[in-house]
Amino acid sequence: MNFEFECGWCGADCVVYGKPAGFWQELYRVPDEWDCWNCDGLNCTPDPPWTPAE
């Protein structure tokens, strides 16, 4: 499932893939850090709950 995060550097909406964690599909793992597609700034993943991307 994809999750949407806001870049802390430029404010762009970034989509990060969350891999299902284990048997239950309600839990996901996302990278601890990800690069913004717009400014290439390094961001840290915030604590859940996360907003699913549309």
PDB file of N, CA and C in Angstrom:
ATOM      1  N   MET A   1       0.847  -1.167   0.000  1.00  0.00           N
ATOM      2  CA  MET A   1       0.000   0.000   0.000  1.00  0.00           C
ATOM      3  C   MET A   1       0.893   1.230   0.000  1.00  0.00           C
ATOM      4  N   ASN A   2       0.491   2.239  -0.699  1.00  0.00           N
ATOM      5  CA  ASN A   2       1.233   3.493  -0.763  1.00  0.00           C
ATOM      6  C   ASN A   2       0.702   4.469   0.284  1.00  0.00           C
ATOM      7  N   PHE A   3       1.625   5.207   0.890  1.00  0.00           N
ATOM      8  CA  PHE A   3       1.270   6.216   1.880  1.00  0.00           C
ATOM      9  C   PHE A   3       1.803   7.564   1.419  1.00  0.00           C
ATOM     10  N   GLU A   4       1.086   8.619   1.781  1.00  0.00           N
ATOM     11  CA  GLU A   4       1.456   9.968   1.358  1.00  0.00           C
ATOM     12  C   GLU A   4       2.025  10.738   2.538  1.00  0.00           C
ATOM     13  N   PHE A   5       3.223  11.301   2.332  1.00  0.00           N
ATOM     14  CA  PHE A   5       3.888  12.112   3.340  1.00  0.00           C
ATOM     15  C   PHE A   5       4.256  13.458   2.724  1.00  0.00           C
ATOM     16  N   GLU A   6       4.346  14.468   3.566  1.00  0.00           N
ATOM     17  CA  GLU A   6       4.745  15.793   3.101  1.00  0.00           C
ATOM     18  C   GLU A   6       6.235  15.978   3.349  1.00  0.00           C
ATOM     19  N   CYS A   7       6.928  16.472   2.342  1.00  0.00           N
ATOM     20  CA  CYS A   7       8.360  16.734   2.461  1.00  0.00           C
ATOM     21  C   CYS A   7       8.584  17.854   3.473  1.00  0.00           C
ATOM     22  N   GLY A   8       9.520  17.644   4.386  1.00  0.00           N
ATOM     23  CA  GLY A   8       9.839  18.654   5.384  1.00  0.00           C
ATOM     24  C   GLY A   8      10.675  19.792   4.835  1.00  0.00           C
ATOM     25  N   TRP A   9      11.207  19.652   3.624  1.00  0.00           N
ATOM     26  CA  TRP A   9      12.053  20.671   3.026  1.00  0.00           C
ATOM     27  C   TRP A   9      11.273  21.591   2.092  1.00  0.00           C
ATOM     28  N   CYS A  10      10.471  21.021   1.191  1.00  0.00           N
ATOM     29  CA  CYS A  10       9.788  21.860   0.198  1.00  0.00           C
ATOM     30  C   CYS A  10       8.259  21.794   0.291  1.00  0.00           C
ATOM     31  N   GLY A  11       7.711  20.873   1.105  1.00  0.00           N
ATOM     32  CA  GLY A  11       6.268  20.789   1.275  1.00  0.00           C
ATOM     33  C   GLY A  11       5.546  19.965   0.222  1.00  0.00           C
ATOM     34  N   ALA A  12       6.295  19.322  -0.690  1.00  0.00           N
ATOM     35  CA  ALA A  12       5.667  18.507  -1.734  1.00  0.00           C
ATOM     36  C   ALA A  12       5.090  17.232  -1.132  1.00  0.00           C
ATOM     37  N   ASP A  13       3.994  16.745  -1.720  1.00  0.00           N
ATOM     38  CA  ASP A  13       3.412  15.472  -1.312  1.00  0.00           C
ATOM     39  C   ASP A  13       4.192  14.342  -1.960  1.00  0.00           C
ATOM     40  N   CYS A  14       4.680  13.414  -1.137  1.00  0.00           N
ATOM     41  CA  CYS A  14       5.493  12.295  -1.623  1.00  0.00           C
ATOM     42  C   CYS A  14       4.801  10.984  -1.283  1.00  0.00           C
ATOM     43  N   VAL A  15       4.853  10.049  -2.206  1.00  0.00           N
ATOM     44  CA  VAL A  15       4.241   8.737  -2.010  1.00  0.00           C
ATOM     45  C   VAL A  15       5.345   7.735  -1.707  1.00  0.00           C
ATOM     46  N   VAL A  16       5.171   6.987  -0.595  1.00  0.00           N
ATOM     47  CA  VAL A  16       6.141   5.997  -0.158  1.00  0.00           C
ATOM     48  C   VAL A  16       5.430   4.655  -0.046  1.00  0.00           C
ATOM     49  N   TYR A  17       6.046   3.595  -0.579  1.00  0.00           N
ATOM     50  CA  TYR A  17       5.453   2.264  -0.550  1.00  0.00           C
ATOM     51  C   TYR A  17       5.613   1.651   0.833  1.00  0.00           C
ATOM     52  N   GLY A  18       4.508   1.099   1.355  1.00  0.00           N
ATOM     53  CA  GLY A  18       4.526   0.378   2.617  1.00  0.00           C
ATOM     54  C   GLY A  18       4.329  -1.099   2.353  1.00  0.00           C
ATOM     55  N   LYS A  19       5.300  -1.908   2.752  1.00  0.00           N
ATOM     56  CA  LYS A  19       5.256  -3.357   2.543  1.00  0.00           C
ATOM     57  C   LYS A  19       4.430  -3.996   3.661  1.00  0.00           C
ATOM     58  N   PRO A  20       3.489  -4.916   3.313  1.00  0.00           N
ATOM     59  CA  PRO A  20       2.722  -5.593   4.362  1.00  0.00           C
ATOM     60  C   PRO A  20       3.656  -6.306   5.343  1.00  0.00           C
ATOM     61  N   ALA A  21       3.347  -6.170   6.620  1.00  0.00           N
ATOM     62  CA  ALA A  21       4.172  -6.772   7.672  1.00  0.00           C
ATOM     63  C   ALA A  21       3.444  -7.966   8.268  1.00  0.00           C
ATOM     64  N   GLY A  22       3.883  -9.145   7.907  1.00  0.00           N
ATOM     65  CA  GLY A  22       3.303 -10.351   8.479  1.00  0.00           C
ATOM     66  C   GLY A  22       2.015 -10.774   7.806  1.00  0.00           C
ATOM     67  N   PHE A  23       1.255 -11.585   8.514  1.00  0.00           N
ATOM     68  CA  PHE A  23       0.044 -12.197   7.983  1.00  0.00           C
ATOM     69  C   PHE A  23      -1.098 -11.198   7.839  1.00  0.00           C
ATOM     70  N   TRP A  24      -1.250 -10.313   8.819  1.00  0.00           N
ATOM     71  CA  TRP A  24      -2.365  -9.366   8.800  1.00  0.00           C
ATOM     72  C   TRP A  24      -2.037  -8.192   7.903  1.00  0.00           C
ATOM     73  N   GLN A  25      -2.981  -7.796   7.074  1.00  0.00           N
ATOM     74  CA  GLN A  25      -2.762  -6.754   6.079  1.00  0.00           C
ATOM     75  C   GLN A  25      -2.932  -5.341   6.639  1.00  0.00           C
ATOM     76  N   GLU A  26      -3.270  -5.183   7.925  1.00  0.00           N
ATOM     77  CA  GLU A  26      -3.448  -3.847   8.494  1.00  0.00           C
ATOM     78  C   GLU A  26      -2.129  -3.215   8.939  1.00  0.00           C
ATOM     79  N   LEU A  27      -1.059  -4.009   9.003  1.00  0.00           N
ATOM     80  CA  LEU A  27       0.236  -3.498   9.436  1.00  0.00           C
ATOM     81  C   LEU A  27       1.174  -3.390   8.247  1.00  0.00           C
ATOM     82  N   TYR A  28       1.888  -2.276   8.171  1.00  0.00           N
ATOM     83  CA  TYR A  28       2.790  -2.035   7.051  1.00  0.00           C
ATOM     84  C   TYR A  28       4.126  -1.532   7.555  1.00  0.00           C
ATOM     85  N   ARG A  29       5.178  -1.814   6.793  1.00  0.00           N
ATOM     86  CA  ARG A  29       6.515  -1.285   7.074  1.00  0.00           C
ATOM     87  C   ARG A  29       6.878  -0.314   5.963  1.00  0.00           C
ATOM     88  N   VAL A  30       7.324   0.861   6.348  1.00  0.00           N
ATOM     89  CA  VAL A  30       7.816   1.838   5.382  1.00  0.00           C
ATOM     90  C   VAL A  30       9.268   2.149   5.746  1.00  0.00           C
ATOM     91  N   PRO A  31      10.066   2.636   4.791  1.00  0.00           N
ATOM     92  CA  PRO A  31      11.457   2.968   5.108  1.00  0.00           C
ATOM     93  C   PRO A  31      11.535   4.047   6.190  1.00  0.00           C
ATOM     94  N   ASP A  32      12.589   3.992   7.001  1.00  0.00           N
ATOM     95  CA  ASP A  32      12.799   5.006   8.036  1.00  0.00           C
ATOM     96  C   ASP A  32      13.099   6.367   7.422  1.00  0.00           C
ATOM     97  N   GLU A  33      13.743   6.360   6.244  1.00  0.00           N
ATOM     98  CA  GLU A  33      14.080   7.591   5.546  1.00  0.00           C
ATOM     99  C   GLU A  33      13.728   7.449   4.071  1.00  0.00           C
ATOM    100  N   TRP A  34      13.377   8.547   3.425  1.00  0.00           N
ATOM    101  CA  TRP A  34      13.038   8.541   2.001  1.00  0.00           C
ATOM    102  C   TRP A  34      13.394   9.893   1.406  1.00  0.00           C
ATOM    103  N   ASP A  35      13.655   9.882   0.097  1.00  0.00           N
ATOM    104  CA  ASP A  35      14.027  11.093  -0.630  1.00  0.00           C
ATOM    105  C   ASP A  35      12.807  11.700  -1.308  1.00  0.00           C
ATOM    106  N   CYS A  36      12.709  13.019  -1.239  1.00  0.00           N
ATOM    107  CA  CYS A  36      11.621  13.743  -1.906  1.00  0.00           C
ATOM    108  C   CYS A  36      11.827  13.683  -3.417  1.00  0.00           C
ATOM    109  N   TRP A  37      10.749  13.466  -4.141  1.00  0.00           N
ATOM    110  CA  TRP A  37      10.822  13.418  -5.600  1.00  0.00           C
ATOM    111  C   TRP A  37      11.081  14.806  -6.194  1.00  0.00           C
ATOM    112  N   ASN A  38      10.689  15.853  -5.457  1.00  0.00           N
ATOM    113  CA  ASN A  38      10.769  17.214  -5.983  1.00  0.00           C
ATOM    114  C   ASN A  38      12.125  17.877  -5.714  1.00  0.00           C
ATOM    115  N   CYS A  39      12.578  17.848  -4.470  1.00  0.00           N
ATOM    116  CA  CYS A  39      13.805  18.569  -4.109  1.00  0.00           C
ATOM    117  C   CYS A  39      14.952  17.631  -3.745  1.00  0.00           C
ATOM    118  N   ASP A  40      14.702  16.325  -3.705  1.00  0.00           N
ATOM    119  CA  ASP A  40      15.692  15.303  -3.369  1.00  0.00           C
ATOM    120  C   ASP A  40      16.166  15.417  -1.923  1.00  0.00           C
ATOM    121  N   GLY A  41      15.381  16.078  -1.077  1.00  0.00           N
ATOM    122  CA  GLY A  41      15.728  16.199   0.337  1.00  0.00           C
ATOM    123  C   GLY A  41      15.449  14.905   1.079  1.00  0.00           C
ATOM    124  N   LEU A  42      16.288  14.580   2.048  1.00  0.00           N
ATOM    125  CA  LEU A  42      16.134  13.373   2.849  1.00  0.00           C
ATOM    126  C   LEU A  42      15.158  13.653   3.981  1.00  0.00           C
ATOM    127  N   ASN A  43      14.125  12.803   4.095  1.00  0.00           N
ATOM    128  CA  ASN A  43      13.088  12.965   5.106  1.00  0.00           C
ATOM    129  C   ASN A  43      13.023  11.726   5.981  1.00  0.00           C
ATOM    130  N   CYS A  44      12.577  11.899   7.225  1.00  0.00           N
ATOM    131  CA  CYS A  44      12.343  10.786   8.140  1.00  0.00           C
ATOM    132  C   CYS A  44      10.846  10.482   8.157  1.00  0.00           C
ATOM    133  N   THR A  45      10.511   9.207   8.225  1.00  0.00           N
ATOM    134  CA  THR A  45       9.121   8.797   8.272  1.00  0.00           C
ATOM    135  C   THR A  45       8.527   9.139   9.636  1.00  0.00           C
ATOM    136  N   PRO A  46       7.381   9.827   9.674  1.00  0.00           N
ATOM    137  CA  PRO A  46       6.754  10.145  10.959  1.00  0.00           C
ATOM    138  C   PRO A  46       6.137   8.897  11.585  1.00  0.00           C
ATOM    139  N   ASP A  47       5.787   9.001  12.851  1.00  0.00           N
ATOM    140  CA  ASP A  47       5.112   7.905  13.541  1.00  0.00           C
ATOM    141  C   ASP A  47       3.715   7.720  12.976  1.00  0.00           C
ATOM    142  N   PRO A  48       3.194   6.461  12.984  1.00  0.00           N
ATOM    143  CA  PRO A  48       1.824   6.219  12.507  1.00  0.00           C
ATOM    144  C   PRO A  48       0.822   6.943  13.389  1.00  0.00           C
ATOM    145  N   PRO A  49      -0.394   7.167  12.972  1.00  0.00           N
ATOM    146  CA  PRO A  49      -1.031   6.654  11.748  1.00  0.00           C
ATOM    147  C   PRO A  49      -0.612   7.448  10.514  1.00  0.00           C
ATOM    148  N   TRP A  50      -0.603   6.763   9.386  1.00  0.00           N
ATOM    149  CA  TRP A  50      -0.206   7.344   8.107  1.00  0.00           C
ATOM    150  C   TRP A  50      -1.414   7.481   7.197  1.00  0.00           C
ATOM    151  N   THR A  51      -1.350   8.452   6.289  1.00  0.00           N
ATOM    152  CA  THR A  51      -2.433   8.708   5.344  1.00  0.00           C
ATOM    153  C   THR A  51      -2.222   7.868   4.084  1.00  0.00           C
ATOM    154  N   PRO A  52      -3.158   6.963   3.747  1.00  0.00           N
ATOM    155  CA  PRO A  52      -3.020   6.204   2.507  1.00  0.00           C
ATOM    156  C   PRO A  52      -3.095   7.138   1.297  1.00  0.00           C
ATOM    157  N   ALA A  53      -2.249   6.872   0.309  1.00  0.00           N
ATOM    158  CA  ALA A  53      -2.253   7.661  -0.918  1.00  0.00           C
ATOM    159  C   ALA A  53      -3.401   7.218  -1.807  1.00  0.00           C
ATOM    160  N   GLU A  54      -3.958   8.146  -2.545  1.00  0.00           N
ATOM    161  CA  GLU A  54      -5.068   7.830  -3.438  1.00  0.00           C
ATOM    162  C   GLU A  54      -4.582   7.512  -4.813  1.00  0.00           C
TER     163      GLU A  54
END
